[in-house]
Amino acid sequence: MAFLHLPERRVSQYYCVNPSWLYSTSLSTAPNSNPLDPNKPTLLMIHACGSSSASQQLQLQDDRLRSAFNMIAMDSPYCGASTGDETDEILTIEGAADIFLCTLDKLYGDRKLRFSILAEGFFGSQAASWITVSRRIAATAEGGGWRADRT
């Protein structure tokens, strides 16, 4: 299983990239991660509140999606296999979205990875919205403006 320890966020974030075998409900048999294929677009999958990335197993197993996209699935902080220190702070949707972004940036370089988002439920869709807005704000602040790049 792939984890990224984020000490500044007090969380150990579980993620899976292009899984080489199918999900199981057992954490001890979670899929391995594989490198991104630079010739495919990337799809970030965000599960619904109280769930885990295992809820996206049908999408991760779909040969049409697997052949067309790099797929990244993460367990939300404190859900599924992701763990963290106990805290008195309330984890907001925005906070969870920031942890997703922090994970992607540490794995693939600060704001270098371009991706689309497949989100489940209220939590997933709100986190996806926050990710989109925060990425655009950062790009605008760096002089990138609001443009639709196709790379």
N, C-alpha and C. Protein backbone atom coordinates (compact mmCIF):
# COMPACT_ATOMS: atom_id res chain seq x y z
N MET A 1 0.84 -1.18 0.00
CA MET A 1 0.00 0.00 0.00
C MET A 1 0.88 1.24 0.00
N ALA A 2 0.43 2.26 -0.69
CA ALA A 2 1.20 3.50 -0.80
C ALA A 2 0.66 4.55 0.18
N PHE A 3 1.55 5.07 0.98
CA PHE A 3 1.21 6.13 1.92
C PHE A 3 2.19 7.27 1.75
N LEU A 4 1.71 8.47 1.96
CA LEU A 4 2.57 9.63 2.01
C LEU A 4 2.35 10.29 3.35
N HIS A 5 3.41 10.34 4.16
CA HIS A 5 3.29 10.96 5.48
C HIS A 5 3.43 12.47 5.31
N LEU A 6 2.44 13.19 5.80
CA LEU A 6 2.43 14.65 5.72
C LEU A 6 2.47 15.21 7.14
N PRO A 7 3.68 15.35 7.71
CA PRO A 7 3.78 15.78 9.10
C PRO A 7 3.17 17.15 9.36
N GLU A 8 3.26 18.05 8.38
CA GLU A 8 2.69 19.38 8.59
C GLU A 8 1.17 19.35 8.66
N ARG A 9 0.57 18.28 8.15
CA ARG A 9 -0.89 18.09 8.21
C ARG A 9 -1.30 17.05 9.25
N ARG A 10 -0.31 16.42 9.86
CA ARG A 10 -0.51 15.37 10.87
C ARG A 10 -1.36 14.21 10.33
N VAL A 11 -1.04 13.79 9.11
CA VAL A 11 -1.80 12.72 8.49
C VAL A 11 -0.87 11.84 7.66
N SER A 12 -1.21 10.57 7.57
CA SER A 12 -0.55 9.64 6.67
C SER A 12 -1.59 9.31 5.60
N GLN A 13 -1.37 9.82 4.41
CA GLN A 13 -2.37 9.79 3.34
C GLN A 13 -2.21 8.55 2.48
N TYR A 14 -3.25 7.73 2.40
CA TYR A 14 -3.26 6.56 1.52
C TYR A 14 -3.65 7.00 0.11
N TYR A 15 -2.92 6.49 -0.87
CA TYR A 15 -3.27 6.75 -2.26
C TYR A 15 -2.94 5.53 -3.10
N CYS A 16 -3.50 5.49 -4.27
CA CYS A 16 -3.26 4.40 -5.20
C CYS A 16 -3.27 5.00 -6.61
N VAL A 17 -2.25 4.70 -7.40
CA VAL A 17 -2.12 5.22 -8.76
C VAL A 17 -2.11 4.04 -9.73
N ASN A 18 -2.99 4.08 -10.70
CA ASN A 18 -3.05 3.01 -11.70
C ASN A 18 -2.88 1.64 -11.07
N PRO A 19 -3.83 1.22 -10.24
CA PRO A 19 -3.68 -0.03 -9.49
C PRO A 19 -3.46 -1.22 -10.42
N SER A 20 -2.54 -2.08 -10.00
CA SER A 20 -2.19 -3.23 -10.83
C SER A 20 -3.09 -4.43 -10.59
N TRP A 21 -3.84 -4.39 -9.54
CA TRP A 21 -4.82 -5.44 -9.31
C TRP A 21 -5.99 -4.85 -8.56
N LEU A 22 -7.02 -5.63 -8.41
CA LEU A 22 -8.30 -5.10 -7.99
C LEU A 22 -8.40 -4.85 -6.49
N TYR A 23 -9.25 -3.90 -6.15
CA TYR A 23 -9.49 -3.56 -4.76
C TYR A 23 -10.12 -4.70 -3.99
N SER A 24 -9.86 -4.70 -2.72
CA SER A 24 -10.50 -5.62 -1.79
C SER A 24 -10.99 -4.80 -0.62
N THR A 25 -11.90 -5.32 0.14
CA THR A 25 -12.35 -4.60 1.32
C THR A 25 -11.34 -4.69 2.45
N SER A 26 -10.35 -5.53 2.31
CA SER A 26 -9.32 -5.70 3.34
C SER A 26 -8.15 -4.76 3.06
N LEU A 27 -7.75 -3.98 4.06
CA LEU A 27 -6.63 -3.07 3.89
C LEU A 27 -5.33 -3.83 3.65
N SER A 28 -5.25 -5.06 4.12
CA SER A 28 -4.02 -5.82 3.94
C SER A 28 -3.84 -6.28 2.50
N THR A 29 -4.90 -6.21 1.70
CA THR A 29 -4.80 -6.62 0.30
C THR A 29 -5.14 -5.48 -0.65
N ALA A 30 -4.85 -4.25 -0.24
CA ALA A 30 -5.10 -3.11 -1.11
C ALA A 30 -4.16 -3.16 -2.30
N PRO A 31 -4.54 -2.55 -3.42
CA PRO A 31 -3.72 -2.65 -4.63
C PRO A 31 -2.42 -1.87 -4.55
N ASN A 32 -1.48 -2.29 -5.35
CA ASN A 32 -0.22 -1.57 -5.49
C ASN A 32 -0.40 -0.40 -6.44
N SER A 33 0.47 0.60 -6.30
CA SER A 33 0.45 1.73 -7.22
C SER A 33 1.49 1.53 -8.31
N ASN A 34 1.24 2.15 -9.45
CA ASN A 34 2.15 2.10 -10.59
C ASN A 34 2.41 3.53 -11.07
N PRO A 35 3.45 3.73 -11.84
CA PRO A 35 3.75 5.09 -12.32
C PRO A 35 2.67 5.63 -13.24
N LEU A 36 2.65 6.95 -13.36
CA LEU A 36 1.75 7.59 -14.32
C LEU A 36 2.26 7.33 -15.73
N ASP A 37 1.34 7.15 -16.66
CA ASP A 37 1.68 7.04 -18.07
C ASP A 37 1.62 8.46 -18.65
N PRO A 38 2.75 9.02 -19.11
CA PRO A 38 2.75 10.40 -19.58
C PRO A 38 1.90 10.62 -20.83
N ASN A 39 1.46 9.56 -21.47
CA ASN A 39 0.65 9.68 -22.68
C ASN A 39 -0.85 9.69 -22.41
N LYS A 40 -1.23 9.59 -21.14
CA LYS A 40 -2.65 9.57 -20.79
C LYS A 40 -2.99 10.75 -19.89
N PRO A 41 -4.23 11.26 -20.01
CA PRO A 41 -4.67 12.26 -19.04
C PRO A 41 -4.90 11.59 -17.68
N THR A 42 -4.95 12.39 -16.64
CA THR A 42 -5.07 11.85 -15.28
C THR A 42 -6.44 12.17 -14.70
N LEU A 43 -7.00 11.20 -14.02
CA LEU A 43 -8.30 11.32 -13.38
C LEU A 43 -8.13 11.10 -11.88
N LEU A 44 -8.39 12.13 -11.07
CA LEU A 44 -8.36 12.03 -9.62
C LEU A 44 -9.75 11.64 -9.15
N MET A 45 -9.83 10.60 -8.33
CA MET A 45 -11.12 10.10 -7.85
C MET A 45 -11.25 10.41 -6.37
N ILE A 46 -12.35 11.10 -6.00
CA ILE A 46 -12.60 11.48 -4.61
C ILE A 46 -13.90 10.82 -4.18
N HIS A 47 -13.83 10.04 -3.10
CA HIS A 47 -15.00 9.28 -2.64
C HIS A 47 -15.93 10.15 -1.80
N ALA A 48 -17.09 9.60 -1.52
CA ALA A 48 -18.09 10.28 -0.70
C ALA A 48 -17.68 10.26 0.78
N CYS A 49 -18.28 11.12 1.56
CA CYS A 49 -17.99 11.24 2.99
C CYS A 49 -18.27 9.92 3.71
N GLY A 50 -17.35 9.53 4.59
CA GLY A 50 -17.53 8.32 5.38
C GLY A 50 -17.22 7.05 4.62
N SER A 51 -16.78 7.17 3.41
CA SER A 51 -16.46 6.02 2.57
C SER A 51 -14.94 5.88 2.46
N SER A 52 -14.49 5.21 1.44
CA SER A 52 -13.06 5.09 1.16
C SER A 52 -12.89 4.93 -0.35
N SER A 53 -11.66 4.92 -0.79
CA SER A 53 -11.40 4.75 -2.22
C SER A 53 -11.86 3.38 -2.72
N ALA A 54 -12.08 2.45 -1.83
CA ALA A 54 -12.60 1.13 -2.24
C ALA A 54 -13.97 1.24 -2.88
N SER A 55 -14.70 2.33 -2.59
CA SER A 55 -16.03 2.51 -3.19
C SER A 55 -15.93 2.79 -4.69
N GLN A 56 -14.74 3.07 -5.17
CA GLN A 56 -14.54 3.36 -6.59
C GLN A 56 -13.95 2.17 -7.34
N GLN A 57 -14.06 0.99 -6.75
CA GLN A 57 -13.43 -0.17 -7.35
C GLN A 57 -13.99 -0.49 -8.74
N LEU A 58 -15.26 -0.25 -8.98
CA LEU A 58 -15.81 -0.55 -10.30
C LEU A 58 -15.19 0.35 -11.37
N GLN A 59 -14.99 1.63 -11.03
CA GLN A 59 -14.33 2.53 -11.97
C GLN A 59 -12.87 2.13 -12.17
N LEU A 60 -12.19 1.78 -11.08
CA LEU A 60 -10.78 1.40 -11.16
C LEU A 60 -10.58 0.09 -11.92
N GLN A 61 -11.61 -0.74 -11.99
CA GLN A 61 -11.53 -2.02 -12.70
C GLN A 61 -11.98 -1.91 -14.15
N ASP A 62 -12.61 -0.79 -14.50
CA ASP A 62 -13.18 -0.64 -15.84
C ASP A 62 -12.06 -0.52 -16.88
N ASP A 63 -11.99 -1.49 -17.80
CA ASP A 63 -10.93 -1.51 -18.81
C ASP A 63 -10.97 -0.28 -19.71
N ARG A 64 -12.18 0.27 -19.96
CA ARG A 64 -12.26 1.46 -20.81
C ARG A 64 -11.59 2.65 -20.13
N LEU A 65 -11.83 2.81 -18.83
CA LEU A 65 -11.20 3.90 -18.09
C LEU A 65 -9.70 3.65 -17.92
N ARG A 66 -9.36 2.41 -17.59
CA ARG A 66 -7.94 2.07 -17.37
C ARG A 66 -7.10 2.30 -18.63
N SER A 67 -7.68 2.04 -19.79
CA SER A 67 -6.93 2.24 -21.03
C SER A 67 -6.86 3.71 -21.44
N ALA A 68 -7.78 4.52 -20.97
CA ALA A 68 -7.85 5.92 -21.40
C ALA A 68 -7.21 6.90 -20.41
N PHE A 69 -7.14 6.54 -19.12
CA PHE A 69 -6.70 7.48 -18.10
C PHE A 69 -5.68 6.89 -17.15
N ASN A 70 -4.82 7.74 -16.60
CA ASN A 70 -4.16 7.45 -15.33
C ASN A 70 -5.23 7.67 -14.27
N MET A 71 -5.31 6.79 -13.32
CA MET A 71 -6.32 6.96 -12.28
C MET A 71 -5.65 7.03 -10.92
N ILE A 72 -6.00 8.05 -10.15
CA ILE A 72 -5.49 8.23 -8.80
C ILE A 72 -6.67 8.23 -7.86
N ALA A 73 -6.64 7.33 -6.88
CA ALA A 73 -7.68 7.29 -5.85
C ALA A 73 -6.99 7.49 -4.50
N MET A 74 -7.60 8.29 -3.65
CA MET A 74 -7.07 8.55 -2.31
C MET A 74 -8.17 8.35 -1.30
N ASP A 75 -7.78 7.88 -0.13
CA ASP A 75 -8.72 7.87 0.99
C ASP A 75 -8.67 9.24 1.64
N SER A 76 -9.82 9.79 1.92
CA SER A 76 -9.86 11.08 2.62
C SER A 76 -9.16 10.96 3.96
N PRO A 77 -8.65 12.07 4.46
CA PRO A 77 -8.00 12.02 5.77
C PRO A 77 -8.92 11.40 6.82
N TYR A 78 -8.37 10.47 7.58
CA TYR A 78 -9.07 9.77 8.66
C TYR A 78 -10.16 8.82 8.15
N CYS A 79 -10.15 8.51 6.86
CA CYS A 79 -11.09 7.54 6.29
C CYS A 79 -10.30 6.42 5.64
N GLY A 80 -10.92 5.26 5.54
CA GLY A 80 -10.25 4.14 4.89
C GLY A 80 -8.91 3.84 5.54
N ALA A 81 -7.85 3.77 4.73
CA ALA A 81 -6.53 3.45 5.24
C ALA A 81 -5.74 4.67 5.69
N SER A 82 -6.22 5.88 5.36
CA SER A 82 -5.52 7.10 5.80
C SER A 82 -5.64 7.25 7.30
N THR A 83 -4.56 7.63 7.94
CA THR A 83 -4.55 7.78 9.40
C THR A 83 -3.95 9.13 9.77
N GLY A 84 -4.12 9.49 11.01
CA GLY A 84 -3.54 10.74 11.46
C GLY A 84 -3.60 10.86 12.96
N ASP A 85 -2.87 11.85 13.46
CA ASP A 85 -2.86 12.12 14.89
C ASP A 85 -4.21 12.68 15.31
N GLU A 86 -4.59 12.36 16.54
CA GLU A 86 -5.81 12.96 17.07
C GLU A 86 -5.61 14.47 17.17
N THR A 87 -6.65 15.19 16.87
CA THR A 87 -6.57 16.63 16.91
C THR A 87 -7.89 17.20 17.41
N ASP A 88 -7.84 18.38 17.97
CA ASP A 88 -9.06 19.06 18.39
C ASP A 88 -9.65 19.87 17.25
N GLU A 89 -8.90 19.99 16.16
CA GLU A 89 -9.38 20.75 15.02
C GLU A 89 -10.42 19.93 14.26
N ILE A 90 -11.38 20.63 13.72
CA ILE A 90 -12.38 20.00 12.87
C ILE A 90 -11.84 20.00 11.45
N LEU A 91 -11.84 18.84 10.81
CA LEU A 91 -11.38 18.76 9.43
C LEU A 91 -12.54 19.17 8.53
N THR A 92 -12.36 20.26 7.83
CA THR A 92 -13.37 20.76 6.90
C THR A 92 -13.19 20.11 5.53
N ILE A 93 -14.17 20.29 4.68
CA ILE A 93 -14.05 19.82 3.31
C ILE A 93 -12.86 20.50 2.64
N GLU A 94 -12.72 21.80 2.90
CA GLU A 94 -11.60 22.54 2.33
C GLU A 94 -10.26 21.99 2.83
N GLY A 95 -10.21 21.64 4.12
CA GLY A 95 -9.00 21.06 4.69
C GLY A 95 -8.65 19.73 4.05
N ALA A 96 -9.66 18.90 3.82
CA ALA A 96 -9.43 17.61 3.15
C ALA A 96 -8.95 17.84 1.72
N ALA A 97 -9.57 18.79 1.02
CA ALA A 97 -9.16 19.10 -0.35
C ALA A 97 -7.71 19.58 -0.38
N ASP A 98 -7.33 20.39 0.60
CA ASP A 98 -5.95 20.87 0.67
C ASP A 98 -4.97 19.71 0.90
N ILE A 99 -5.40 18.71 1.68
CA ILE A 99 -4.54 17.53 1.89
C ILE A 99 -4.41 16.74 0.60
N PHE A 100 -5.49 16.61 -0.18
CA PHE A 100 -5.39 15.96 -1.50
C PHE A 100 -4.38 16.68 -2.37
N LEU A 101 -4.48 18.02 -2.43
CA LEU A 101 -3.56 18.81 -3.25
C LEU A 101 -2.12 18.69 -2.75
N CYS A 102 -1.95 18.73 -1.45
CA CYS A 102 -0.61 18.60 -0.87
C CYS A 102 -0.01 17.25 -1.25
N THR A 103 -0.81 16.20 -1.21
CA THR A 103 -0.34 14.87 -1.59
C THR A 103 0.09 14.84 -3.05
N LEU A 104 -0.76 15.37 -3.94
CA LEU A 104 -0.42 15.38 -5.36
C LEU A 104 0.84 16.21 -5.62
N ASP A 105 0.93 17.36 -4.96
CA ASP A 105 2.10 18.23 -5.17
C ASP A 105 3.39 17.57 -4.68
N LYS A 106 3.32 16.85 -3.56
CA LYS A 106 4.52 16.17 -3.06
C LYS A 106 4.90 14.98 -3.94
N LEU A 107 3.91 14.32 -4.51
CA LEU A 107 4.19 13.17 -5.37
C LEU A 107 4.68 13.58 -6.76
N TYR A 108 4.10 14.64 -7.32
CA TYR A 108 4.34 14.95 -8.73
C TYR A 108 4.88 16.35 -8.99
N GLY A 109 5.22 17.09 -7.95
CA GLY A 109 5.75 18.44 -8.15
C GLY A 109 4.67 19.48 -7.93
N ASP A 110 5.06 20.56 -7.37
CA ASP A 110 4.14 21.62 -7.00
C ASP A 110 3.33 22.11 -8.21
N ARG A 111 2.05 21.80 -8.22
CA ARG A 111 1.09 22.21 -9.24
C ARG A 111 1.51 21.83 -10.67
N LYS A 112 2.27 20.76 -10.80
CA LYS A 112 2.72 20.33 -12.13
C LYS A 112 1.75 19.34 -12.79
N LEU A 113 1.03 18.59 -11.99
CA LEU A 113 0.15 17.57 -12.53
C LEU A 113 -1.20 18.18 -12.93
N ARG A 114 -1.57 17.98 -14.16
CA ARG A 114 -2.89 18.40 -14.63
C ARG A 114 -3.81 17.19 -14.54
N PHE A 115 -5.03 17.43 -14.07
CA PHE A 115 -5.94 16.31 -13.88
C PHE A 115 -7.39 16.76 -13.93
N SER A 116 -8.26 15.80 -14.18
CA SER A 116 -9.70 15.99 -14.05
C SER A 116 -10.13 15.26 -12.79
N ILE A 117 -11.34 15.53 -12.32
CA ILE A 117 -11.79 14.95 -11.06
C ILE A 117 -13.11 14.22 -11.26
N LEU A 118 -13.18 13.01 -10.75
CA LEU A 118 -14.42 12.24 -10.67
C LEU A 118 -14.77 12.17 -9.18
N ALA A 119 -15.88 12.78 -8.80
CA ALA A 119 -16.22 12.90 -7.39
C ALA A 119 -17.55 12.21 -7.08
N GLU A 120 -17.62 11.63 -5.88
CA GLU A 120 -18.84 10.99 -5.40
C GLU A 120 -19.48 11.84 -4.32
N GLY A 121 -20.78 12.00 -4.37
CA GLY A 121 -21.55 12.59 -3.28
C GLY A 121 -21.21 14.05 -3.00
N PHE A 122 -21.83 14.56 -1.93
CA PHE A 122 -21.66 15.96 -1.54
C PHE A 122 -20.21 16.25 -1.19
N PHE A 123 -19.60 15.41 -0.34
CA PHE A 123 -18.22 15.65 0.07
C PHE A 123 -17.28 15.68 -1.13
N GLY A 124 -17.37 14.67 -1.97
CA GLY A 124 -16.48 14.59 -3.12
C GLY A 124 -16.64 15.77 -4.05
N SER A 125 -17.90 16.16 -4.33
CA SER A 125 -18.11 17.27 -5.26
C SER A 125 -17.66 18.60 -4.67
N GLN A 126 -17.86 18.79 -3.37
CA GLN A 126 -17.42 20.04 -2.73
C GLN A 126 -15.89 20.10 -2.65
N ALA A 127 -15.25 18.98 -2.35
CA ALA A 127 -13.79 18.94 -2.33
C ALA A 127 -13.24 19.21 -3.73
N ALA A 128 -13.88 18.64 -4.76
CA ALA A 128 -13.45 18.88 -6.14
C ALA A 128 -13.58 20.36 -6.49
N SER A 129 -14.66 20.99 -6.06
CA SER A 129 -14.84 22.42 -6.32
C SER A 129 -13.75 23.24 -5.65
N TRP A 130 -13.43 22.89 -4.41
CA TRP A 130 -12.38 23.62 -3.68
C TRP A 130 -11.02 23.45 -4.36
N ILE A 131 -10.73 22.25 -4.80
CA ILE A 131 -9.47 21.99 -5.49
C ILE A 131 -9.39 22.84 -6.76
N THR A 132 -10.46 22.87 -7.53
CA THR A 132 -10.48 23.64 -8.77
C THR A 132 -10.27 25.12 -8.51
N VAL A 133 -11.00 25.67 -7.54
CA VAL A 133 -10.90 27.10 -7.24
C VAL A 133 -9.52 27.44 -6.68
N SER A 134 -9.00 26.63 -5.76
CA SER A 134 -7.71 26.96 -5.16
C SER A 134 -6.58 26.86 -6.19
N ARG A 135 -6.66 25.92 -7.12
CA ARG A 135 -5.65 25.82 -8.17
C ARG A 135 -5.71 27.05 -9.09
N ARG A 136 -6.92 27.52 -9.41
CA ARG A 136 -7.06 28.70 -10.28
C ARG A 136 -6.57 29.96 -9.58
N ILE A 137 -6.87 30.09 -8.30
CA ILE A 137 -6.40 31.26 -7.55
C ILE A 137 -4.87 31.28 -7.55
N ALA A 138 -4.24 30.13 -7.31
CA ALA A 138 -2.78 30.06 -7.30
C ALA A 138 -2.21 30.39 -8.68
N ALA A 139 -2.83 29.90 -9.75
CA ALA A 139 -2.35 30.18 -11.10
C ALA A 139 -2.48 31.66 -11.42
N THR A 140 -3.57 32.26 -11.01
CA THR A 140 -3.79 33.68 -11.26
C THR A 140 -2.78 34.51 -10.48
N ALA A 141 -2.52 34.15 -9.25
CA ALA A 141 -1.57 34.88 -8.42
C ALA A 141 -0.16 34.82 -9.00
N GLU A 142 0.14 33.73 -9.70
CA GLU A 142 1.46 33.58 -10.31
C GLU A 142 1.52 34.16 -11.72
N GLY A 143 0.47 34.87 -12.11
CA GLY A 143 0.45 35.48 -13.44
C GLY A 143 -0.04 34.55 -14.52
N GLY A 144 -0.57 33.40 -14.14
CA GLY A 144 -1.04 32.44 -15.13
C GLY A 144 -2.38 32.79 -15.72
N GLY A 145 -3.15 33.63 -15.03
CA GLY A 145 -4.45 34.04 -15.56
C GLY A 145 -5.44 32.89 -15.66
N TRP A 146 -6.55 33.18 -16.26
CA TRP A 146 -7.62 32.20 -16.45
C TRP A 146 -7.58 31.75 -17.89
N ARG A 147 -6.90 30.67 -18.16
CA ARG A 147 -6.80 30.17 -19.52
C ARG A 147 -7.12 28.68 -19.55
N ALA A 148 -7.53 28.25 -20.69
CA ALA A 148 -7.84 26.83 -20.88
C ALA A 148 -6.73 26.19 -21.68
N ASP A 149 -5.71 25.72 -21.03
CA ASP A 149 -4.59 25.06 -21.71
C ASP A 149 -4.99 23.64 -22.08
N ARG A 150 -4.56 23.21 -23.21
CA ARG A 150 -4.81 21.83 -23.65
C ARG A 150 -3.47 21.17 -23.88
N THR A 151 -2.94 20.50 -22.86
CA THR A 151 -1.66 19.81 -23.02
C THR A 151 -1.81 18.37 -22.71
